[in-house]
């Protein structure tokens, strides 16, 4: 969603060449980017990685020994670099945007082709690993601690070299400047399109959404299933829990085959799916950036219960546009209070939707992005219709 917001903005001003990664030779599920956003595209084939516990452990052990952060080796290996080099060969660009820090080392290649290069930081990798190191058990704690240190070194090296770094929140901007005081960092908030799901009748259910194999989401589901769901299930025998998102196999093991827990798999419209639920839960224990799952719940007009880390970086106000809860008893009582009070649910849902409409939809956040790009490209508006080929 974050990448899409930047891509749609750029498509309104420039001709866009998209270089995108895919696992394997074919593009799974077809091309996700509409023709009106991309003028030219190239696909970079990544090595296919097995997702079993043993395969992941072996890969991360090798990374630990080599001192390489996760994903940077996969996305920036020699095979990928050769494909990217071929894709941009002979071209000149006004602007290059690198999505995700693990692709930061493409800067040197892009410098030869682009007048300005921007890095979009969806997360701060060092902060994410440090949080996981505090919460995970042995030996994962040790591994994440090592990766946090490796990521800090890489962030300090690369961040100051970009013409502009985009952070998802003011909290992240300050963290990045603390890591790399010489970096030029601006806030580009996570946002969603200005469209809302059709009104529908609530089901007596709670919902959690996201990529269910992403480590912070796995940890959140595991914690909720172990510490919170049993008490909710006991006190509300008719309540159901919806897990909305792809890769649900990654969390099935901690759901104990409970018939009152439903997984949807990959879906096209997350806000519409969230609109089925009475309450959206965000029991995250780790995270960086900001959570689009909360924005989508707000867009659906649904009340949210979140941990503080889950709501970090957003204009989230406890009791005004969501409820905050950090312990299992607090979480249980907050969810039950909302289930019992339709007026409170609707008030929080309306307030959340207002935040999206006024602050965190694409048309609003694009204004700030345009101002930041003006400082990089003085002739930015004049160049909106042409990038040299």
Protein backbone atom coordinates (compact mmCIF):
# COMPACT_ATOMS: atom_id res chain seq x y z
CA UNK A 1 0.00 0.00 0.00
CA UNK A 2 2.84 2.41 0.81
CA UNK A 3 4.62 1.61 -2.44
CA UNK A 4 1.36 2.01 -4.36
CA UNK A 5 0.76 5.47 -2.90
CA UNK A 6 4.18 6.70 -4.09
CA UNK A 7 3.79 5.02 -7.46
CA UNK A 8 0.39 6.61 -8.12
CA UNK A 9 1.77 10.02 -7.13
CA UNK A 10 4.76 9.71 -9.47
CA UNK A 11 2.55 8.50 -12.32
CA UNK A 12 0.66 11.80 -12.15
CA UNK A 13 3.88 13.76 -12.73
CA UNK A 14 6.33 11.57 -14.66
CA UNK A 15 6.70 8.71 -17.03
CA UNK A 16 7.46 5.78 -14.73
CA UNK A 17 9.79 2.83 -15.20
CA UNK A 18 9.11 0.16 -12.58
CA UNK A 19 11.72 -2.45 -11.71
CA UNK A 20 10.01 -5.02 -9.52
CA UNK A 21 11.09 -8.26 -7.85
CA UNK A 22 9.28 -11.57 -8.10
CA UNK A 23 10.05 -15.04 -6.79
CA UNK A 24 10.54 -17.30 -9.79
CA UNK A 25 10.25 -16.54 -13.48
CA UNK A 26 6.51 -15.91 -13.66
CA UNK A 27 4.68 -13.04 -12.02
CA UNK A 28 2.39 -14.80 -9.54
CA UNK A 29 -1.19 -13.63 -9.85
CA UNK A 30 -0.48 -11.33 -12.78
CA UNK A 31 0.78 -7.74 -12.86
CA UNK A 32 -0.42 -5.89 -9.73
CA UNK A 33 0.20 -2.40 -11.13
CA UNK A 34 -2.45 -0.84 -13.42
CA UNK A 35 -1.33 0.31 -16.87
CA UNK A 36 -2.11 3.93 -16.03
CA UNK A 37 0.59 4.01 -13.33
CA UNK A 38 3.52 2.42 -15.17
CA UNK A 39 4.89 3.25 -18.63
CA UNK A 40 7.59 0.59 -18.67
CA UNK A 41 8.42 -2.30 -16.36
CA UNK A 42 11.02 -4.97 -15.82
CA UNK A 43 10.80 -7.99 -13.53
CA UNK A 44 13.76 -9.23 -11.52
CA UNK A 45 13.58 -12.94 -10.67
CA UNK A 46 14.57 -13.79 -7.11
CA UNK A 47 15.76 -17.19 -5.95
CA UNK A 48 12.84 -19.20 -4.56
CA UNK A 49 13.23 -19.73 -0.81
CA UNK A 50 11.55 -22.58 1.02
CA UNK A 51 9.47 -21.44 3.98
CA UNK A 52 9.90 -24.37 6.33
CA UNK A 53 11.33 -23.74 9.80
CA UNK A 54 14.48 -25.68 8.94
CA UNK A 55 15.05 -23.75 5.70
CA UNK A 56 14.59 -20.40 7.44
CA UNK A 57 16.93 -21.42 10.27
CA UNK A 58 19.61 -22.49 7.79
CA UNK A 59 19.38 -19.24 5.80
CA UNK A 60 19.51 -17.05 8.89
CA UNK A 61 22.39 -19.02 10.36
CA UNK A 62 24.35 -18.41 7.17
CA UNK A 63 23.48 -14.70 7.30
CA UNK A 64 24.55 -14.55 10.93
CA UNK A 65 27.92 -16.06 10.10
CA UNK A 66 28.47 -13.77 7.10
CA UNK A 67 27.29 -10.64 8.93
CA UNK A 68 24.51 -9.98 6.42
CA UNK A 69 21.06 -8.64 7.32
CA UNK A 70 17.99 -10.64 6.22
CA UNK A 71 16.62 -9.95 2.74
CA UNK A 72 19.53 -7.75 1.63
CA UNK A 73 21.38 -10.83 0.40
CA UNK A 74 18.32 -12.11 -1.49
CA UNK A 75 17.35 -8.82 -3.12
CA UNK A 76 20.87 -7.55 -3.79
CA UNK A 77 22.70 -10.76 -4.72
CA UNK A 78 24.81 -10.92 -7.86
CA UNK A 79 21.99 -12.39 -9.97
CA UNK A 80 19.53 -9.67 -8.95
CA UNK A 81 22.09 -6.92 -9.44
CA UNK A 82 22.83 -8.09 -12.96
CA UNK A 83 19.12 -8.03 -13.83
CA UNK A 84 18.63 -4.54 -12.39
CA UNK A 85 21.71 -3.27 -14.24
CA UNK A 86 20.32 -4.59 -17.53
CA UNK A 87 16.91 -3.05 -16.84
CA UNK A 88 18.27 0.48 -16.34
CA UNK A 89 21.14 0.28 -18.84
CA UNK A 90 21.26 3.27 -21.19
CA UNK A 91 18.53 5.16 -19.35
CA UNK A 92 18.63 8.49 -17.53
CA UNK A 93 16.12 9.47 -14.86
CA UNK A 94 15.11 12.63 -13.06
CA UNK A 95 14.40 10.60 -9.94
CA UNK A 96 14.93 7.08 -8.64
CA UNK A 97 12.99 5.77 -5.64
CA UNK A 98 14.27 2.73 -3.74
CA UNK A 99 11.60 0.85 -1.79
CA UNK A 100 12.76 -0.81 1.47
CA UNK A 101 16.10 -0.46 3.21
CA UNK A 102 17.29 -3.93 2.18
CA UNK A 103 17.64 -2.53 -1.38
CA UNK A 104 19.71 0.48 -0.25
CA UNK A 105 22.93 -0.81 -1.81
CA UNK A 106 21.48 -0.23 -5.28
CA UNK A 107 22.27 3.44 -4.65
CA UNK A 108 25.70 3.20 -6.27
CA UNK A 109 24.20 1.75 -9.45
CA UNK A 110 21.37 4.28 -9.55
CA UNK A 111 23.68 7.25 -9.00
CA UNK A 112 25.00 6.72 -12.53
CA UNK A 113 21.51 6.87 -14.02
CA UNK A 114 19.47 9.30 -11.88
CA UNK A 115 19.80 12.96 -10.91
CA UNK A 116 18.36 12.28 -7.46
CA UNK A 117 17.84 9.09 -5.46
CA UNK A 118 15.27 8.69 -2.65
CA UNK A 119 15.06 5.85 -0.12
CA UNK A 120 11.62 4.92 1.21
CA UNK A 121 11.92 3.38 4.70
CA UNK A 122 8.83 1.28 5.35
CA UNK A 123 10.42 0.22 8.66
CA UNK A 124 13.63 0.77 10.58
CA UNK A 125 15.19 -2.67 10.36
CA UNK A 126 17.54 -2.21 13.33
CA UNK A 127 14.66 -1.13 15.60
CA UNK A 128 12.51 -4.05 14.47
CA UNK A 129 15.26 -6.60 15.19
CA UNK A 130 16.04 -4.97 18.55
CA UNK A 131 12.39 -5.27 19.60
CA UNK A 132 12.29 -8.92 18.53
CA UNK A 133 15.50 -9.56 20.49
CA UNK A 134 13.82 -8.25 23.66
CA UNK A 135 10.71 -10.40 23.24
CA UNK A 136 11.76 -13.65 21.59
CA UNK A 137 13.19 -16.64 23.39
CA UNK A 138 16.56 -18.27 22.88
CA UNK A 139 18.13 -18.67 20.28
CA UNK A 140 15.97 -16.22 18.25
CA UNK A 141 16.81 -13.48 20.75
CA UNK A 142 20.52 -13.92 20.08
CA UNK A 143 20.02 -13.97 16.29
CA UNK A 144 17.86 -10.82 16.26
CA UNK A 145 20.38 -9.05 18.47
CA UNK A 146 23.10 -9.81 15.95
CA UNK A 147 20.93 -8.65 13.04
CA UNK A 148 20.07 -5.43 14.91
CA UNK A 149 23.77 -4.58 15.17
CA UNK A 150 24.38 -5.42 11.50
CA UNK A 151 21.41 -3.26 10.48
CA UNK A 152 22.60 -0.30 12.55
CA UNK A 153 25.97 -0.37 10.79
CA UNK A 154 24.28 -0.54 7.37
CA UNK A 155 21.82 2.27 8.22
CA UNK A 156 24.63 4.52 9.38
CA UNK A 157 26.50 3.83 6.16
CA UNK A 158 23.73 4.25 3.62
CA UNK A 159 21.22 6.76 4.99
CA UNK A 160 23.42 9.89 4.66
CA UNK A 161 24.22 9.03 1.04
CA UNK A 162 20.65 9.40 -0.26
CA UNK A 163 19.31 12.75 -1.41
CA UNK A 164 16.21 12.15 0.70
CA UNK A 165 15.00 9.44 3.08
CA UNK A 166 11.26 9.02 3.67
CA UNK A 167 10.14 7.87 7.13
CA UNK A 168 6.66 6.64 7.99
CA UNK A 169 6.25 8.82 11.09
CA UNK A 170 7.86 11.60 13.11
CA UNK A 171 8.98 8.99 15.65
CA UNK A 172 10.80 7.08 12.91
CA UNK A 173 12.27 10.30 11.51
CA UNK A 174 13.87 11.12 14.86
CA UNK A 175 15.14 7.56 15.24
CA UNK A 176 16.76 7.71 11.81
CA UNK A 177 18.43 11.04 12.59
CA UNK A 178 19.73 9.59 15.83
CA UNK A 179 21.28 6.75 13.82
CA UNK A 180 22.58 8.95 11.00
CA UNK A 181 22.64 12.65 11.94
CA UNK A 182 23.86 13.59 8.47
CA UNK A 183 20.86 12.08 6.69
CA UNK A 184 18.13 14.21 5.15
CA UNK A 185 14.90 12.66 6.45
CA UNK A 186 11.29 13.71 5.83
CA UNK A 187 8.02 12.17 6.99
CA UNK A 188 5.85 10.52 4.38
CA UNK A 189 3.00 8.89 6.33
CA UNK A 190 1.45 5.57 5.46
CA UNK A 191 -1.92 6.31 3.90
CA UNK A 192 -4.71 4.61 1.99
CA UNK A 193 -6.85 5.61 -1.02
CA UNK A 194 -9.77 7.90 -0.30
CA UNK A 195 -12.45 5.26 -0.71
CA UNK A 196 -14.46 3.48 1.92
CA UNK A 197 -16.23 0.11 2.00
CA UNK A 198 -19.96 -0.14 1.57
CA UNK A 199 -21.94 -0.05 4.78
CA UNK A 200 -22.86 -3.52 5.99
CA UNK A 201 -24.25 -5.19 9.05
CA UNK A 202 -21.72 -6.10 11.71
CA UNK A 203 -21.14 -9.71 12.57
CA UNK A 204 -20.54 -10.69 16.18
CA UNK A 205 -16.81 -11.08 15.62
CA UNK A 206 -13.41 -9.52 16.11
CA UNK A 207 -10.81 -9.27 13.32
CA UNK A 208 -7.06 -9.06 12.81
CA UNK A 209 -5.57 -8.38 9.36
CA UNK A 210 -2.17 -8.54 7.71
CA UNK A 211 0.37 -10.79 6.05
CA UNK A 212 0.20 -13.68 8.49
CA UNK A 213 3.75 -14.90 7.93
CA UNK A 214 5.30 -11.50 8.76
CA UNK A 215 7.15 -12.00 12.05
CA UNK A 216 5.43 -9.20 14.07
CA UNK A 217 2.02 -10.48 12.91
CA UNK A 218 2.89 -14.07 13.79
CA UNK A 219 3.98 -12.97 17.28
CA UNK A 220 0.79 -10.91 17.69
CA UNK A 221 -1.49 -13.80 16.73
CA UNK A 222 0.41 -16.21 18.96
CA UNK A 223 0.17 -13.85 21.97
CA UNK A 224 -3.50 -13.12 21.39
CA UNK A 225 -4.34 -16.80 20.92
CA UNK A 226 -2.51 -17.78 24.09
CA UNK A 227 -3.21 -14.89 26.46
CA UNK A 228 -6.41 -13.15 25.34
CA UNK A 229 -8.63 -15.27 23.13
CA UNK A 230 -9.34 -18.05 25.69
CA UNK A 231 -10.83 -15.54 28.16
CA UNK A 232 -12.81 -13.77 25.43
CA UNK A 233 -14.10 -17.13 24.22
CA UNK A 234 -15.12 -18.13 27.77
CA UNK A 235 -16.93 -14.88 28.55
CA UNK A 236 -18.61 -14.53 25.15
CA UNK A 237 -19.50 -18.03 23.87
CA UNK A 238 -20.84 -16.74 20.52
CA UNK A 239 -17.85 -14.58 19.60
CA UNK A 240 -15.80 -15.41 16.48
CA UNK A 241 -12.29 -14.31 15.51
CA UNK A 242 -11.50 -13.49 11.87
CA UNK A 243 -7.89 -13.65 10.64
CA UNK A 244 -7.81 -11.69 7.40
CA UNK A 245 -4.83 -11.97 5.06
CA UNK A 246 -2.49 -14.19 3.09
CA UNK A 247 -0.14 -16.92 4.33
CA UNK A 248 -2.50 -18.10 7.07
CA UNK A 249 -0.62 -21.42 7.19
CA UNK A 250 2.04 -19.63 9.22
CA UNK A 251 -0.30 -19.18 12.21
CA UNK A 252 -2.53 -22.25 12.06
CA UNK A 253 -0.33 -24.10 14.52
CA UNK A 254 -1.17 -21.71 17.35
CA UNK A 255 -4.94 -21.72 16.69
CA UNK A 256 -5.48 -25.25 17.98
CA UNK A 257 -8.11 -26.03 15.36
CA UNK A 258 -10.61 -23.76 17.10
CA UNK A 259 -13.84 -23.77 15.01
CA UNK A 260 -14.64 -20.22 16.14
CA UNK A 261 -11.50 -18.88 14.44
CA UNK A 262 -11.85 -18.22 10.69
CA UNK A 263 -9.00 -17.53 8.25
CA UNK A 264 -9.78 -15.88 4.92
CA UNK A 265 -6.54 -16.27 2.98
CA UNK A 266 -5.53 -13.56 0.51
CA UNK A 267 -8.27 -11.03 -0.24
CA UNK A 268 -8.72 -8.14 -2.66
CA UNK A 269 -10.34 -5.60 -0.32
CA UNK A 270 -9.14 -5.58 3.27
CA UNK A 271 -11.34 -2.69 4.52
CA UNK A 272 -14.43 -4.44 3.17
CA UNK A 273 -13.44 -7.63 4.98
CA UNK A 274 -12.77 -5.72 8.20
CA UNK A 275 -16.20 -4.12 7.94
CA UNK A 276 -17.70 -7.54 8.73
CA UNK A 277 -16.34 -7.40 12.29
CA UNK A 278 -17.63 -5.50 15.31
CA UNK A 279 -14.12 -4.79 16.64
CA UNK A 280 -10.65 -4.86 15.05
CA UNK A 281 -7.79 -5.99 17.29
CA UNK A 282 -4.13 -5.02 16.83
CA UNK A 283 -2.20 -6.95 19.53
CA UNK A 284 1.25 -6.16 18.13
CA UNK A 285 4.26 -6.50 20.42
CA UNK A 286 6.87 -5.34 17.89
CA UNK A 287 6.84 -3.08 14.89
CA UNK A 288 8.27 -0.12 13.05
CA UNK A 289 6.72 2.34 10.65
CA UNK A 290 2.96 2.62 11.15
CA UNK A 291 0.22 0.04 10.81
CA UNK A 292 -1.91 0.23 7.69
CA UNK A 293 -4.21 -2.36 9.30
CA UNK A 294 -5.40 0.40 11.66
CA UNK A 295 -5.99 2.83 8.79
CA UNK A 296 -8.02 0.20 6.96
CA UNK A 297 -10.07 -0.52 10.08
CA UNK A 298 -10.72 3.21 10.49
CA UNK A 299 -11.70 3.47 6.82
CA UNK A 300 -14.20 0.67 7.48
CA UNK A 301 -15.60 2.69 10.38
CA UNK A 302 -14.69 0.00 12.87
CA UNK A 303 -13.62 0.42 16.48
CA UNK A 304 -10.01 -0.63 17.18
CA UNK A 305 -8.27 -2.03 20.25
CA UNK A 306 -4.48 -1.84 19.93
CA UNK A 307 -1.34 -2.07 21.96
CA UNK A 308 0.64 1.14 22.18
CA UNK A 309 3.37 -0.24 19.93
CA UNK A 310 0.67 -1.18 17.41
CA UNK A 311 -0.64 2.39 17.28
CA UNK A 312 2.79 4.05 17.47
CA UNK A 313 3.35 6.85 14.97
CA UNK A 314 -0.34 7.35 14.20
CA UNK A 315 -2.59 10.18 15.48
CA UNK A 316 -4.16 7.66 17.84
CA UNK A 317 -5.89 8.97 20.95
CA UNK A 318 -7.06 6.51 23.59
CA UNK A 319 -10.81 6.80 24.08
CA UNK A 320 -11.23 9.18 21.14
CA UNK A 321 -10.50 7.17 17.99
CA UNK A 322 -9.45 3.78 19.45
CA UNK A 323 -8.80 2.01 22.74
CA UNK A 324 -5.26 1.17 23.93
CA UNK A 325 -4.46 -1.96 25.92
CA UNK A 326 -1.07 -3.50 26.66
CA UNK A 327 -1.84 -6.35 29.05
CA UNK A 328 -4.11 -9.35 28.44
CA UNK A 329 -6.67 -8.28 31.10
CA UNK A 330 -6.80 -4.76 29.65
CA UNK A 331 -7.25 -6.16 26.16
CA UNK A 332 -10.05 -8.50 27.22
CA UNK A 333 -11.96 -5.76 29.05
CA UNK A 334 -11.56 -3.27 26.19
CA UNK A 335 -12.87 -5.73 23.60
CA UNK A 336 -15.81 -6.79 25.77
CA UNK A 337 -16.67 -3.17 26.56
CA UNK A 338 -16.87 -2.39 22.84
CA UNK A 339 -18.90 -5.50 22.05
CA UNK A 340 -21.41 -4.48 24.70
CA UNK A 341 -21.67 -0.81 23.64
CA UNK A 342 -22.73 -0.16 20.06
CA UNK A 343 -22.72 3.62 20.56
CA UNK A 344 -19.09 3.58 21.71
CA UNK A 345 -18.11 1.37 18.76
CA UNK A 346 -19.74 3.73 16.30
CA UNK A 347 -18.25 6.84 17.90
CA UNK A 348 -14.71 5.45 17.75
CA UNK A 349 -15.27 4.18 14.22
CA UNK A 350 -16.50 7.57 13.00
CA UNK A 351 -13.57 9.34 14.67
CA UNK A 352 -11.10 6.94 13.06
CA UNK A 353 -12.61 7.46 9.64
CA UNK A 354 -12.29 11.22 10.10
CA UNK A 355 -8.54 10.79 10.75
CA UNK A 356 -8.18 8.95 7.45
CA UNK A 357 -10.22 11.53 5.54
CA UNK A 358 -8.42 14.54 6.99
CA UNK A 359 -4.84 13.31 7.46
CA UNK A 360 -4.01 9.86 6.13
CA UNK A 361 -5.50 9.43 2.67
CA UNK A 362 -3.44 9.61 -0.51
CA UNK A 363 -4.53 13.07 -1.74
CA UNK A 364 -3.58 14.64 1.61
CA UNK A 365 -0.16 13.01 2.06
CA UNK A 366 0.78 13.65 -1.58
CA UNK A 367 0.89 17.39 -0.84
CA UNK A 368 3.79 16.92 1.56
CA UNK A 369 5.60 14.58 -0.83
CA UNK A 370 5.35 17.15 -3.62
CA UNK A 371 6.85 19.83 -1.39
CA UNK A 372 9.78 17.58 -0.48
CA UNK A 373 10.44 16.67 -4.11
CA UNK A 374 10.36 20.32 -5.15
CA UNK A 375 13.46 20.89 -3.03
CA UNK A 376 15.26 18.03 -4.81
CA UNK A 377 14.17 18.94 -8.33
CA UNK A 378 13.73 22.71 -8.75
CA UNK A 379 12.14 22.12 -12.14
CA UNK A 380 9.91 19.40 -10.71
CA UNK A 381 6.60 20.67 -12.02
CA UNK A 382 8.08 21.47 -15.42
CA UNK A 383 9.45 17.92 -15.62
CA UNK A 384 6.17 16.20 -14.71
CA UNK A 385 5.49 15.13 -18.30
CA UNK A 386 8.87 13.77 -19.31
CA UNK A 387 11.69 11.66 -17.99
CA UNK A 388 14.54 11.11 -20.47
CA UNK A 389 14.61 7.54 -21.78
